[in-house]
Amino acid sequence: MKNLGFLFLILFVFGFKTKENVSSNAPNGNITIAINIHDNNNTTQDLINLDFFKLQLFDEIRKFQKVSYVLVENDEHPELIIELDIEEFKLWPKTKTVSSSTESRNIRVGQDERGNPIYETMRANITTVRAKRKANARLNASITNKAGLPYNYQETFDTSYSYDNRFVESVHGDQFINKESQRGGEPREGDILFLLSKKELTRKLSLQLRRYYDAKKSAGK
């Protein structure tokens, strides 16, 4: 699993760098940002690749920006430092309910000698699965300005996420009876913390980055 996660991280970085290089909307000059993620209580329980999570966050908060933001390390003298403390993260156990039913339909298979239609009853045994899961987190975010402008930001987010996924696991018999999805999409455990952060945190951080850029532009720096 670790090797697979490392491969995803390499592919993500390659795609991110490519997108950064072809951006045509960014003005001259870059704003450098460092992101530090702290999980002092190990609340992510080794489920989350925090390096990959950091890249996901950065890509999301800059998605709708026309400013060229560059992710750097702390020792590269960033203008802004984003600190994200994962104070709580709870991923509840998945609940799974399995049910079976028999469905039928009449289909026309021909006609008799008088021209009347002949129908045949087709049946299928359908096994349906309903999977539910929820998660919640408390995230404390702050932005520190290192460029001398009167700008700083701090906010705590209590956020929750859940999914309720119903899908057909198997059909024995007439395959055309069932109209539901054969398989539903469930998020990977490693992506759930990112989905929690997308509800509000990344939007707020993106807004704050834009405010910093506007303040910098007004100051003529």
Protein backbone atom coordinates (compact mmCIF):
# COMPACT_ATOMS: atom_id res chain seq x y z
CA MET A 1 0.00 0.00 0.00
CA LYS A 2 2.87 2.38 0.82
CA ASN A 3 4.44 1.79 -2.61
CA LEU A 4 1.09 2.45 -4.28
CA GLY A 5 0.63 5.66 -2.30
CA PHE A 6 4.15 6.79 -3.27
CA LEU A 7 3.33 6.14 -6.94
CA PHE A 8 0.15 8.28 -6.67
CA LEU A 9 2.22 11.00 -5.02
CA ILE A 10 4.74 11.03 -7.90
CA LEU A 11 1.98 11.14 -10.53
CA PHE A 12 0.17 13.93 -8.67
CA VAL A 13 3.34 16.04 -8.41
CA PHE A 14 4.14 15.52 -12.09
CA GLY A 15 0.62 16.54 -13.14
CA PHE A 16 0.66 19.49 -10.76
CA LYS A 17 4.00 20.80 -12.05
CA THR A 18 2.79 20.46 -15.62
CA LYS A 19 -0.36 22.45 -14.90
CA GLU A 20 1.69 25.10 -13.09
CA ASN A 21 3.98 25.57 -16.09
CA VAL A 22 1.18 26.01 -18.65
CA SER A 23 -0.85 28.51 -16.63
CA SER A 24 -1.58 31.53 -18.80
CA ASN A 25 -3.77 33.54 -16.42
CA ALA A 26 -1.20 34.26 -13.74
CA PRO A 27 0.29 37.74 -13.49
CA ASN A 28 4.02 38.36 -13.44
CA GLY A 29 5.65 37.28 -10.19
CA ASN A 30 4.87 34.45 -7.81
CA ILE A 31 3.59 34.24 -4.25
CA THR A 32 5.42 31.49 -2.41
CA ILE A 33 3.54 29.44 0.17
CA ALA A 34 4.63 26.80 2.65
CA ILE A 35 2.06 24.43 4.13
CA ASN A 36 2.77 22.66 7.41
CA ILE A 37 0.36 19.96 8.56
CA HIS A 38 0.48 18.80 12.17
CA ASP A 39 -1.12 15.66 13.55
CA ASN A 40 0.32 15.64 17.04
CA ASN A 41 -2.20 13.14 18.40
CA ASN A 42 -1.89 10.79 15.40
CA THR A 43 -5.61 11.20 14.79
CA THR A 44 -5.27 10.17 11.16
CA GLN A 45 -4.36 6.67 12.40
CA ASP A 46 -1.92 6.05 9.55
CA LEU A 47 -4.82 6.19 7.07
CA ILE A 48 -3.75 9.47 5.51
CA ASN A 49 -0.63 10.21 3.49
CA LEU A 50 -0.07 13.73 4.82
CA ASP A 51 2.35 14.69 2.03
CA PHE A 52 -0.22 13.78 -0.58
CA PHE A 53 -2.94 15.49 1.47
CA LYS A 54 -0.86 18.69 1.44
CA LEU A 55 -0.63 18.61 -2.36
CA GLN A 56 -4.38 18.00 -2.61
CA LEU A 57 -5.05 21.01 -0.39
CA PHE A 58 -2.72 23.28 -2.32
CA ASP A 59 -4.17 22.28 -5.67
CA GLU A 60 -7.69 22.88 -4.38
CA ILE A 61 -7.12 26.29 -2.79
CA ARG A 62 -5.42 27.63 -5.92
CA LYS A 63 -7.87 26.06 -8.37
CA PHE A 64 -9.95 29.17 -9.05
CA GLN A 65 -7.17 31.69 -8.62
CA LYS A 66 -5.57 33.80 -11.33
CA VAL A 67 -2.54 34.40 -9.14
CA SER A 68 0.58 32.29 -9.48
CA TYR A 69 1.06 30.55 -6.14
CA VAL A 70 4.10 28.34 -5.69
CA LEU A 71 4.42 25.68 -3.00
CA VAL A 72 7.83 25.77 -1.29
CA GLU A 73 9.47 24.48 1.87
CA ASN A 74 9.95 26.47 5.06
CA ASP A 75 13.67 27.04 4.43
CA GLU A 76 12.92 28.66 1.05
CA HIS A 77 11.64 31.86 2.69
CA PRO A 78 7.94 31.72 1.71
CA GLU A 79 5.82 34.86 1.82
CA LEU A 80 2.98 32.97 3.49
CA ILE A 81 3.01 30.02 5.84
CA ILE A 82 -0.17 27.98 6.25
CA GLU A 83 -0.32 25.94 9.43
CA LEU A 84 -2.99 23.24 9.62
CA ASP A 85 -3.48 21.42 12.91
CA ILE A 86 -5.55 18.25 12.76
CA GLU A 87 -6.95 18.43 16.26
CA GLU A 88 -9.50 15.65 15.77
CA PHE A 89 -10.24 13.16 13.03
CA LYS A 90 -12.75 10.37 13.45
CA LEU A 91 -13.56 7.87 10.74
CA TRP A 92 -16.49 5.80 11.91
CA PRO A 93 -16.78 2.11 10.99
CA LYS A 94 -18.66 1.34 7.82
CA THR A 95 -22.11 -0.18 8.18
CA LYS A 96 -23.19 -2.60 5.50
CA THR A 97 -26.68 -3.98 4.97
CA VAL A 98 -27.37 -6.77 2.49
CA SER A 99 -30.86 -7.55 1.23
CA SER A 100 -32.28 -9.89 -1.40
CA SER A 101 -35.44 -9.71 -3.46
CA THR A 102 -37.08 -11.43 -6.40
CA GLU A 103 -38.33 -9.30 -9.28
CA SER A 104 -40.23 -10.31 -12.36
CA ARG A 105 -41.38 -8.89 -15.67
CA ASN A 106 -43.44 -10.11 -18.61
CA ILE A 107 -41.84 -10.03 -22.03
CA ARG A 108 -43.41 -10.79 -25.38
CA VAL A 109 -41.93 -13.91 -26.91
CA GLY A 110 -44.20 -14.36 -29.93
CA GLN A 111 -47.84 -14.72 -30.94
CA ASP A 112 -50.35 -17.52 -31.28
CA GLU A 113 -52.10 -18.65 -34.46
CA ARG A 114 -54.74 -15.95 -33.99
CA GLY A 115 -52.15 -13.22 -33.75
CA ASN A 116 -52.50 -12.70 -30.03
CA PRO A 117 -49.25 -11.91 -28.20
CA ILE A 118 -47.63 -14.59 -26.07
CA TYR A 119 -45.83 -13.45 -22.93
CA GLU A 120 -43.29 -15.19 -20.74
CA THR A 121 -42.55 -14.24 -17.15
CA MET A 122 -38.85 -13.61 -16.48
CA ARG A 123 -37.50 -13.56 -12.91
CA ALA A 124 -34.30 -12.57 -11.19
CA ASN A 125 -32.93 -12.79 -7.67
CA ILE A 126 -31.26 -9.49 -6.82
CA THR A 127 -28.81 -8.90 -3.97
CA THR A 128 -28.58 -5.25 -2.94
CA VAL A 129 -25.96 -3.73 -0.65
CA ARG A 130 -26.28 -0.46 1.23
CA ALA A 131 -23.02 0.94 2.62
CA LYS A 132 -22.97 3.92 4.99
CA ARG A 133 -20.09 5.72 6.64
CA LYS A 134 -19.44 9.03 8.33
CA ALA A 135 -16.44 11.03 9.45
CA ASN A 136 -15.83 14.23 11.32
CA ALA A 137 -12.83 16.43 12.07
CA ARG A 138 -11.71 19.59 13.82
CA LEU A 139 -9.13 21.51 11.81
CA ASN A 140 -7.34 24.63 13.00
CA ALA A 141 -5.92 26.71 10.15
CA SER A 142 -3.75 29.81 10.26
CA ILE A 143 -1.84 31.92 7.74
CA THR A 144 1.21 33.90 8.76
CA ASN A 145 2.54 36.67 6.53
CA LYS A 146 6.32 36.93 6.27
CA ALA A 147 6.43 39.80 3.77
CA GLY A 148 5.81 42.67 6.18
CA LEU A 149 2.17 43.33 5.31
CA PRO A 150 -0.44 43.70 8.10
CA TYR A 151 -2.09 40.41 7.30
CA ASN A 152 -2.66 37.23 9.33
CA TYR A 153 -5.52 34.76 9.61
CA GLN A 154 -6.70 32.02 11.98
CA GLU A 155 -9.89 29.94 12.12
CA THR A 156 -11.07 26.59 13.48
CA PHE A 157 -13.37 24.35 11.45
CA ASP A 158 -15.65 21.61 12.77
CA THR A 159 -16.68 19.60 9.77
CA SER A 160 -18.44 16.35 8.97
CA TYR A 161 -18.84 14.10 5.96
CA SER A 162 -20.96 11.06 5.22
CA TYR A 163 -22.01 8.88 2.35
CA ASP A 164 -24.92 6.52 1.85
CA ASN A 165 -24.26 4.27 -1.11
CA ARG A 166 -26.75 1.70 -2.43
CA PHE A 167 -25.82 -0.63 -5.23
CA VAL A 168 -26.64 -4.03 -6.70
CA GLU A 169 -24.05 -6.64 -5.86
CA SER A 170 -25.40 -9.50 -7.98
CA VAL A 171 -28.26 -10.47 -10.27
CA HIS A 172 -29.14 -14.12 -10.83
CA GLY A 173 -31.63 -14.59 -13.63
CA ASP A 174 -32.94 -12.00 -16.06
CA GLN A 175 -30.23 -9.31 -16.19
CA PHE A 176 -32.59 -6.70 -17.68
CA ILE A 177 -34.94 -6.57 -14.73
CA ASN A 178 -32.68 -4.49 -12.55
CA LYS A 179 -32.23 -0.81 -13.36
CA GLU A 180 -29.91 0.17 -10.48
CA SER A 181 -26.18 0.69 -10.67
CA GLN A 182 -24.18 -2.48 -10.51
CA ARG A 183 -21.59 -0.79 -8.31
CA GLY A 184 -21.49 2.53 -6.54
CA GLY A 185 -18.42 4.67 -5.97
CA GLU A 186 -17.15 4.88 -2.41
CA PRO A 187 -14.34 7.26 -1.47
CA ARG A 188 -11.02 5.78 -0.46
CA GLU A 189 -10.18 6.09 3.22
CA GLY A 190 -7.14 8.15 2.31
CA ASP A 191 -9.33 10.79 0.62
CA ILE A 192 -11.92 11.29 3.35
CA LEU A 193 -9.90 13.90 5.27
CA PHE A 194 -9.55 15.87 2.04
CA LEU A 195 -13.31 15.61 1.45
CA LEU A 196 -13.84 16.96 4.97
CA SER A 197 -11.58 19.92 4.26
CA LYS A 198 -13.31 20.70 0.94
CA LYS A 199 -16.60 21.53 2.67
CA GLU A 200 -15.40 24.88 4.01
CA LEU A 201 -11.72 25.06 4.86
CA THR A 202 -10.27 25.14 1.35
CA ARG A 203 -12.79 27.76 0.26
CA LYS A 204 -11.83 30.01 3.18
CA LEU A 205 -8.12 29.53 2.58
CA SER A 206 -8.54 30.34 -1.10
CA LEU A 207 -10.42 33.52 -0.19
CA GLN A 208 -7.70 34.53 2.26
CA LEU A 209 -4.97 34.01 -0.33
CA ARG A 210 -6.86 36.25 -2.70
CA ARG A 211 -7.19 38.91 0.00
CA TYR A 212 -3.48 38.75 0.64
CA TYR A 213 -2.74 39.21 -3.05
CA ASP A 214 -5.08 42.20 -3.22
CA ALA A 215 -3.43 43.74 -0.15
CA LYS A 216 0.00 43.17 -1.64
CA LYS A 217 -1.06 44.69 -4.92
CA SER A 218 -2.52 47.76 -3.16
CA ALA A 219 0.67 48.18 -1.17
CA GLY A 220 2.70 48.08 -4.38
CA LYS A 221 4.95 45.30 -3.15
